[in-house]
Protein backbone atom coordinates (compact mmCIF):
# COMPACT_ATOMS: atom_id res chain seq x y z
CA MET A 1 80.36 141.65 -124.37
CA CYS A 2 80.59 140.92 -120.61
CA GLY A 3 79.28 143.39 -118.05
CA ILE A 4 81.04 145.06 -115.15
CA ALA A 5 79.69 147.03 -112.21
CA GLY A 6 81.00 148.76 -109.12
CA LEU A 7 79.73 150.77 -106.17
CA ILE A 8 81.14 152.52 -103.14
CA HIS A 9 79.36 153.98 -100.11
CA LYS A 10 81.45 156.81 -98.72
CA LYS A 11 79.33 157.22 -95.58
CA ALA A 12 80.49 155.32 -92.51
CA GLY A 13 78.52 152.17 -91.83
CA GLY A 14 78.14 150.93 -95.40
CA ALA A 15 75.05 149.20 -96.74
CA ASN A 16 73.72 145.92 -98.09
CA ILE A 17 76.18 145.84 -100.97
CA GLY A 18 75.42 142.17 -101.62
CA GLN A 19 71.85 142.92 -102.60
CA GLU A 20 72.80 146.07 -104.50
CA MET A 21 75.48 144.32 -106.53
CA THR A 22 73.21 141.36 -107.25
CA ASP A 23 70.56 143.70 -108.62
CA MET A 24 73.13 145.52 -110.75
CA LEU A 25 74.64 142.32 -112.14
CA GLN A 26 71.29 140.68 -112.84
CA ALA A 27 70.42 143.70 -114.99
CA LEU A 28 73.57 142.92 -117.02
CA LYS A 29 72.78 139.23 -117.47
CA HIS A 30 72.23 139.70 -121.20
CA ARG A 31 75.89 140.75 -121.53
CA GLY A 32 77.18 137.47 -120.12
CA PRO A 33 75.19 134.52 -118.76
CA ASP A 34 78.06 132.05 -118.32
CA SER A 35 79.31 133.07 -114.88
CA THR A 36 78.94 135.82 -112.29
CA GLY A 37 81.47 137.09 -109.79
CA TYR A 38 81.63 139.45 -106.83
CA ALA A 39 84.44 141.14 -104.93
CA LEU A 40 82.76 142.37 -101.76
CA TYR A 41 84.44 144.52 -99.09
CA GLY A 42 83.11 144.24 -95.58
CA ALA A 43 84.38 145.92 -92.43
CA PRO A 44 88.08 144.98 -92.10
CA ILE A 45 89.01 142.47 -89.42
CA SER A 46 92.38 141.68 -87.85
CA ASN A 47 92.44 138.16 -89.29
CA TYR A 48 92.80 137.22 -92.94
CA ILE A 49 89.65 136.15 -94.77
CA MET A 50 90.49 133.43 -97.28
CA ARG A 51 88.15 132.08 -99.93
CA ILE A 52 89.37 128.71 -101.18
CA ASN A 53 87.98 126.45 -103.91
CA LEU A 54 88.66 122.72 -103.76
CA ALA A 55 87.49 121.96 -107.32
CA GLU A 56 85.65 123.26 -110.34
CA GLN A 57 81.88 122.96 -110.15
CA ALA A 58 81.89 120.52 -113.08
CA ASP A 59 84.36 118.25 -111.28
CA THR A 60 81.85 117.67 -108.47
CA LYS A 61 79.44 115.96 -110.87
CA LYS A 62 81.80 113.31 -112.26
CA GLY A 63 81.37 110.35 -109.94
CA PHE A 64 80.49 108.76 -106.62
CA ASP A 65 83.96 109.34 -105.08
CA VAL A 66 83.80 113.12 -105.37
CA ALA A 67 82.85 113.65 -101.73
CA THR A 68 85.85 111.60 -100.60
CA GLN A 69 88.19 113.55 -102.85
CA LEU A 70 86.86 116.91 -101.68
CA GLN A 71 87.20 115.87 -98.05
CA SER A 72 90.78 114.78 -98.68
CA ARG A 73 91.64 118.16 -100.20
CA ASN A 74 89.85 119.92 -97.33
CA ASP A 75 91.89 117.95 -94.79
CA GLN A 76 95.11 118.78 -96.63
CA VAL A 77 94.29 122.51 -96.59
CA ASP A 78 93.71 122.38 -92.84
CA ALA A 79 96.91 120.41 -92.27
CA ARG A 80 99.06 122.76 -94.33
CA MET A 81 97.66 125.82 -92.58
CA ALA A 82 98.50 124.28 -89.22
CA GLU A 83 101.95 123.25 -90.41
CA LEU A 84 102.85 126.85 -91.30
CA GLY A 85 101.36 128.29 -88.12
CA ALA A 86 98.08 129.65 -89.46
CA GLN A 87 95.42 129.46 -86.76
CA VAL A 88 91.88 128.98 -88.02
CA ALA A 89 89.45 131.17 -86.10
CA LYS A 90 86.43 130.31 -88.24
CA LYS A 91 85.65 127.98 -91.11
CA GLU A 92 82.54 127.66 -93.27
CA ASN A 93 81.52 125.64 -96.32
CA SER A 94 79.78 127.89 -98.83
CA THR A 95 79.30 124.89 -101.15
CA SER A 96 80.75 121.39 -101.25
CA TYR A 97 83.77 122.80 -103.10
CA ALA A 98 84.04 126.38 -101.77
CA LEU A 99 85.41 127.21 -98.30
CA ARG A 100 85.63 130.41 -96.27
CA TYR A 101 88.29 130.75 -93.58
CA GLU A 102 89.16 133.41 -91.04
CA VAL A 103 92.82 132.86 -90.24
CA SER A 104 95.31 134.41 -87.84
CA PHE A 105 98.74 134.38 -89.48
CA ASP A 106 101.86 136.49 -89.08
CA GLY A 107 104.15 134.63 -91.46
CA ASP A 108 104.88 134.93 -95.19
CA LEU A 109 101.43 135.16 -96.81
CA LYS A 110 102.73 134.23 -100.27
CA ASN A 111 104.40 131.12 -98.86
CA LEU A 112 101.18 130.05 -97.15
CA ILE A 113 99.10 130.53 -100.29
CA ASP A 114 101.64 128.74 -102.49
CA TYR A 115 101.71 125.79 -100.10
CA ILE A 116 97.92 125.52 -100.09
CA GLU A 117 97.71 125.80 -103.87
CA ASP A 118 100.29 123.03 -104.25
CA ILE A 119 97.42 120.66 -103.39
CA GLU A 120 95.99 119.30 -106.64
CA GLY A 121 92.82 121.11 -107.71
CA VAL A 122 92.92 123.71 -104.92
CA GLU A 123 92.90 127.45 -105.61
CA VAL A 124 92.96 130.39 -103.20
CA MET A 125 90.33 132.71 -104.69
CA SER A 126 91.14 135.69 -102.48
CA CYS A 127 92.83 136.77 -99.30
CA GLY A 128 92.47 139.99 -97.34
CA ASN A 129 91.20 141.65 -94.20
CA GLY A 130 87.96 142.82 -95.83
CA LEU A 131 87.79 141.31 -99.33
CA GLU A 132 85.56 138.32 -100.06
CA LEU A 133 85.77 137.16 -103.68
CA ILE A 134 83.00 134.86 -104.82
CA LYS A 135 82.43 133.60 -108.35
CA ASP A 136 80.65 130.67 -109.91
CA LEU A 137 78.69 129.53 -112.94
CA GLY A 138 75.26 131.01 -113.62
CA ASP A 139 73.65 134.43 -113.43
CA ALA A 140 73.68 136.76 -110.42
CA ALA A 141 70.45 135.39 -108.96
CA VAL A 142 71.82 131.85 -109.03
CA VAL A 143 75.23 132.69 -107.57
CA SER A 144 73.83 135.04 -104.94
CA ALA A 145 71.38 132.42 -103.69
CA GLN A 146 74.07 129.74 -103.70
CA TYR A 147 76.48 131.77 -101.54
CA GLY A 148 74.03 133.86 -99.48
CA ILE A 149 75.33 137.13 -100.90
CA ASN A 150 72.12 139.17 -100.63
CA SER A 151 72.68 139.97 -96.97
CA PHE A 152 76.35 141.01 -97.24
CA GLN A 153 77.00 144.32 -95.48
CA GLY A 154 79.96 146.41 -96.58
CA SER A 155 81.36 149.60 -98.04
CA HIS A 156 82.17 148.81 -101.67
CA ALA A 157 82.11 146.10 -104.30
CA ILE A 158 82.82 145.24 -107.91
CA GLY A 159 81.20 142.54 -110.02
CA HIS A 160 81.20 140.88 -113.42
CA THR A 161 78.90 138.93 -115.74
CA ARG A 162 80.87 136.87 -118.25
CA MET A 163 80.36 135.72 -121.78
CA ALA A 164 83.16 133.24 -122.52
CA THR A 165 84.91 134.10 -125.77
CA GLU A 166 88.54 132.99 -125.50
CA SER A 167 88.67 130.67 -122.48
CA ASP A 168 86.61 127.96 -120.83
CA VAL A 169 83.30 128.28 -119.02
CA ASP A 170 84.63 127.50 -115.55
CA ILE A 171 85.19 129.21 -112.22
CA ARG A 172 88.90 129.72 -112.85
CA SER A 173 88.17 131.84 -115.94
CA ALA A 174 85.42 133.87 -114.26
CA HIS A 175 85.95 137.37 -112.88
CA PRO A 176 86.78 139.13 -110.57
CA TYR A 177 90.45 138.35 -110.18
CA TRP A 178 92.34 138.68 -106.96
CA ALA A 179 95.85 140.11 -107.28
CA TYR A 180 97.88 137.29 -105.71
CA PRO A 181 99.66 137.56 -103.31
CA PHE A 182 98.57 141.09 -102.38
CA ALA A 183 95.77 141.36 -99.83
CA ASP A 184 92.48 143.06 -100.70
CA VAL A 185 93.14 143.93 -104.38
CA SER A 186 90.63 142.80 -107.05
CA VAL A 187 89.78 143.64 -110.67
CA VAL A 188 86.95 143.22 -113.18
CA HIS A 189 87.48 143.99 -116.85
CA ASN A 190 85.61 144.29 -120.13
CA GLY A 191 87.76 144.23 -123.25
CA GLN A 192 90.87 142.62 -124.66
CA LEU A 193 94.58 143.19 -124.08
CA THR A 194 96.78 142.72 -127.13
CA ASN A 195 100.13 142.68 -125.29
CA TYR A 196 99.02 140.18 -122.65
CA TRP A 197 101.83 137.65 -123.02
CA THR A 198 104.62 140.22 -123.04
CA ASN A 199 103.38 141.73 -119.79
CA ARG A 200 102.56 138.37 -118.23
CA ARG A 201 106.07 137.02 -118.82
CA ALA A 202 107.58 140.19 -117.32
CA LEU A 203 105.40 139.86 -114.20
CA GLU A 204 106.12 136.14 -113.88
CA ARG A 205 109.85 136.89 -113.90
CA LEU A 206 109.20 139.06 -110.83
CA GLY A 207 107.69 136.06 -109.03
CA ASN A 208 103.99 136.61 -109.73
CA ARG A 209 101.80 133.61 -110.57
CA PHE A 210 98.77 133.36 -112.84
CA ASN A 211 95.95 130.86 -112.33
CA SER A 212 94.33 131.36 -115.73
CA ASN A 213 95.05 132.48 -119.28
CA CYS A 214 92.50 135.30 -119.02
CA ASP A 215 93.92 138.73 -119.82
CA SER A 216 91.84 140.30 -117.04
CA GLU A 217 93.97 138.57 -114.42
CA LEU A 218 96.98 140.42 -115.83
CA ILE A 219 95.44 143.79 -114.87
CA ALA A 220 95.00 142.70 -111.26
CA VAL A 221 98.59 141.48 -110.95
CA TYR A 222 99.94 144.53 -112.81
CA ILE A 223 98.17 146.99 -110.48
CA ALA A 224 99.15 145.16 -107.32
CA ASN A 225 102.75 144.88 -108.48
CA ARG A 226 102.91 148.63 -109.15
CA ILE A 227 101.47 149.33 -105.68
CA SER A 228 104.12 147.06 -104.17
CA GLU A 229 106.74 149.17 -106.00
CA GLY A 230 105.46 152.31 -104.30
CA ASP A 231 102.75 153.66 -106.62
CA ASP A 232 99.45 154.73 -105.14
CA LEU A 233 96.35 153.29 -106.83
CA GLU A 234 95.74 156.24 -109.16
CA LYS A 235 99.36 156.37 -110.33
CA ALA A 236 99.37 152.62 -110.96
CA MET A 237 96.17 152.88 -113.00
CA ARG A 238 97.48 155.80 -115.06
CA ARG A 239 100.59 153.78 -115.85
CA SER A 240 98.40 150.88 -116.92
CA VAL A 241 96.68 153.01 -119.56
CA GLU A 242 100.13 153.67 -121.03
CA ASP A 243 101.52 150.14 -120.67
CA LEU A 244 98.54 147.95 -121.58
CA ASP A 245 97.53 147.83 -125.24
CA GLY A 246 94.06 147.01 -126.49
CA VAL A 247 90.49 148.09 -125.84
CA PHE A 248 89.47 147.92 -122.22
CA THR A 249 87.49 149.35 -119.36
CA TYR A 250 88.26 148.01 -115.92
CA LEU A 251 87.39 148.53 -112.28
CA VAL A 252 89.82 147.90 -109.44
CA ALA A 253 89.11 147.79 -105.72
CA THR A 254 91.38 147.88 -102.71
CA SER A 255 90.62 147.87 -99.00
CA ASP A 256 89.63 151.55 -99.02
CA SER A 257 89.10 152.63 -102.63
CA LEU A 258 87.44 152.01 -105.98
CA GLY A 259 88.98 152.96 -109.32
CA MET A 260 87.96 153.05 -112.98
CA ALA A 261 90.12 153.23 -116.12
CA LYS A 262 89.37 153.37 -119.85
CA ASP A 263 91.85 152.92 -122.68
CA VAL A 264 92.63 155.76 -125.07
CA MET A 265 90.18 154.52 -127.72
CA ALA A 266 87.31 154.29 -125.21
CA ALA A 267 85.62 151.50 -127.16
CA LYS A 268 84.22 149.66 -124.15
CA PRO A 269 81.20 151.25 -122.42
CA MET A 270 81.04 152.69 -118.92
CA VAL A 271 78.39 154.83 -117.22
CA ILE A 272 78.89 156.62 -113.89
CA TYR A 273 76.54 158.00 -111.26
CA GLU A 274 78.18 160.12 -108.57
CA SER A 275 76.89 161.87 -105.46
CA ASP A 276 78.58 163.06 -102.29
CA ASP A 277 77.90 159.77 -100.51
CA PHE A 278 77.59 157.11 -103.20
CA ILE A 279 79.16 156.21 -106.55
CA ALA A 280 77.92 153.52 -108.93
CA LEU A 281 79.45 152.44 -112.24
CA ALA A 282 78.34 149.91 -114.82
CA SER A 283 78.58 148.89 -118.45
CA GLU A 284 74.98 150.05 -118.96
CA GLU A 285 72.81 152.65 -117.22
CA VAL A 286 70.02 150.10 -116.69
CA SER A 287 72.25 148.43 -114.12
CA ILE A 288 72.63 151.58 -112.01
CA ARG A 289 68.93 152.37 -112.21
CA LYS A 290 68.14 149.02 -110.59
CA ILE A 291 69.17 150.42 -107.21
CA PHE A 292 67.37 153.78 -107.41
CA ASP A 293 63.69 154.59 -107.18
CA HIS A 294 64.10 158.17 -108.43
CA ASP A 295 65.57 159.98 -111.43
CA ILE A 296 69.34 160.21 -111.56
CA ASP A 297 71.90 161.85 -113.84
CA THR A 298 74.74 159.76 -115.23
CA PHE A 299 77.73 160.49 -117.45
CA ASP A 300 80.28 158.64 -119.57
CA PRO A 301 84.01 158.92 -118.80
CA TYR A 302 86.35 160.20 -121.51
CA GLU A 303 88.94 158.19 -123.41
CA GLY A 304 92.03 157.40 -121.36
CA GLU A 305 90.28 158.59 -118.20
CA VAL A 306 91.21 157.33 -114.74
CA ARG A 307 89.12 158.00 -111.62
CA VAL A 308 89.62 156.87 -108.03
CA TRP A 309 87.18 157.22 -105.14
CA GLN A 310 88.28 156.81 -101.51
CA LEU A 311 86.23 155.79 -98.49
């Protein structure tokens, strides 16, 4: 099961992608009610936008000292940023355990993220100049209301509704996945990779880290690693269809593009609507029709197909 969705506005100025993606994901709730996630791309800024979680949602309900522990972790994040020369231009608490930073930093981004994540229980959810990755437990309506997503203006987005099958119901196992330590790369995936561990070990030997045991995270790191080796997005995705075994359909987003790939057996569903100005993709057509008030024509991609749309 699980449901994935994506959209991209090719016209300058963007749109309320937060509301559009919420509507699309809520229509896919029946495919996965455990958690919902968004990778939203707003207008790029010069600073880095960092989304940081201090704990799992469940951890915040365990006792009276939780607030003290969260504040301690928050203070440590601030201290470590300052220690490495990251200047905080803006800081917001989305929830008691989820923070949003805008940071000026010209040092080694990987080193900064590793140092922050060395704090017990802390995870950097995403980092980029336009990407904001938000995921939590519950359906799209719940998560959107919790994080104020319905007013998010931007150019493109991907999202995911999850039914937990092989890993825990927690934020760490939810999608999308950010491709640490590469800025502005995210992935959502429906399917299963059968050569996950072989590829994960190879990527770890190159210095990449994984925060979960979910095979979807592998796709994000694989794509970003190929881009770092000189591939453009489409070439990296075409290589993935050859290198990754299993049944899968995935969406990948970067700062200026949205891509889709299906494996050669094409067992996992995907429906596409495409016009000159707007593209929408989802596991089911009902999701796309949630953002249109008129008839539209959709089509299914072929087996092994890769498509990339640029802003």
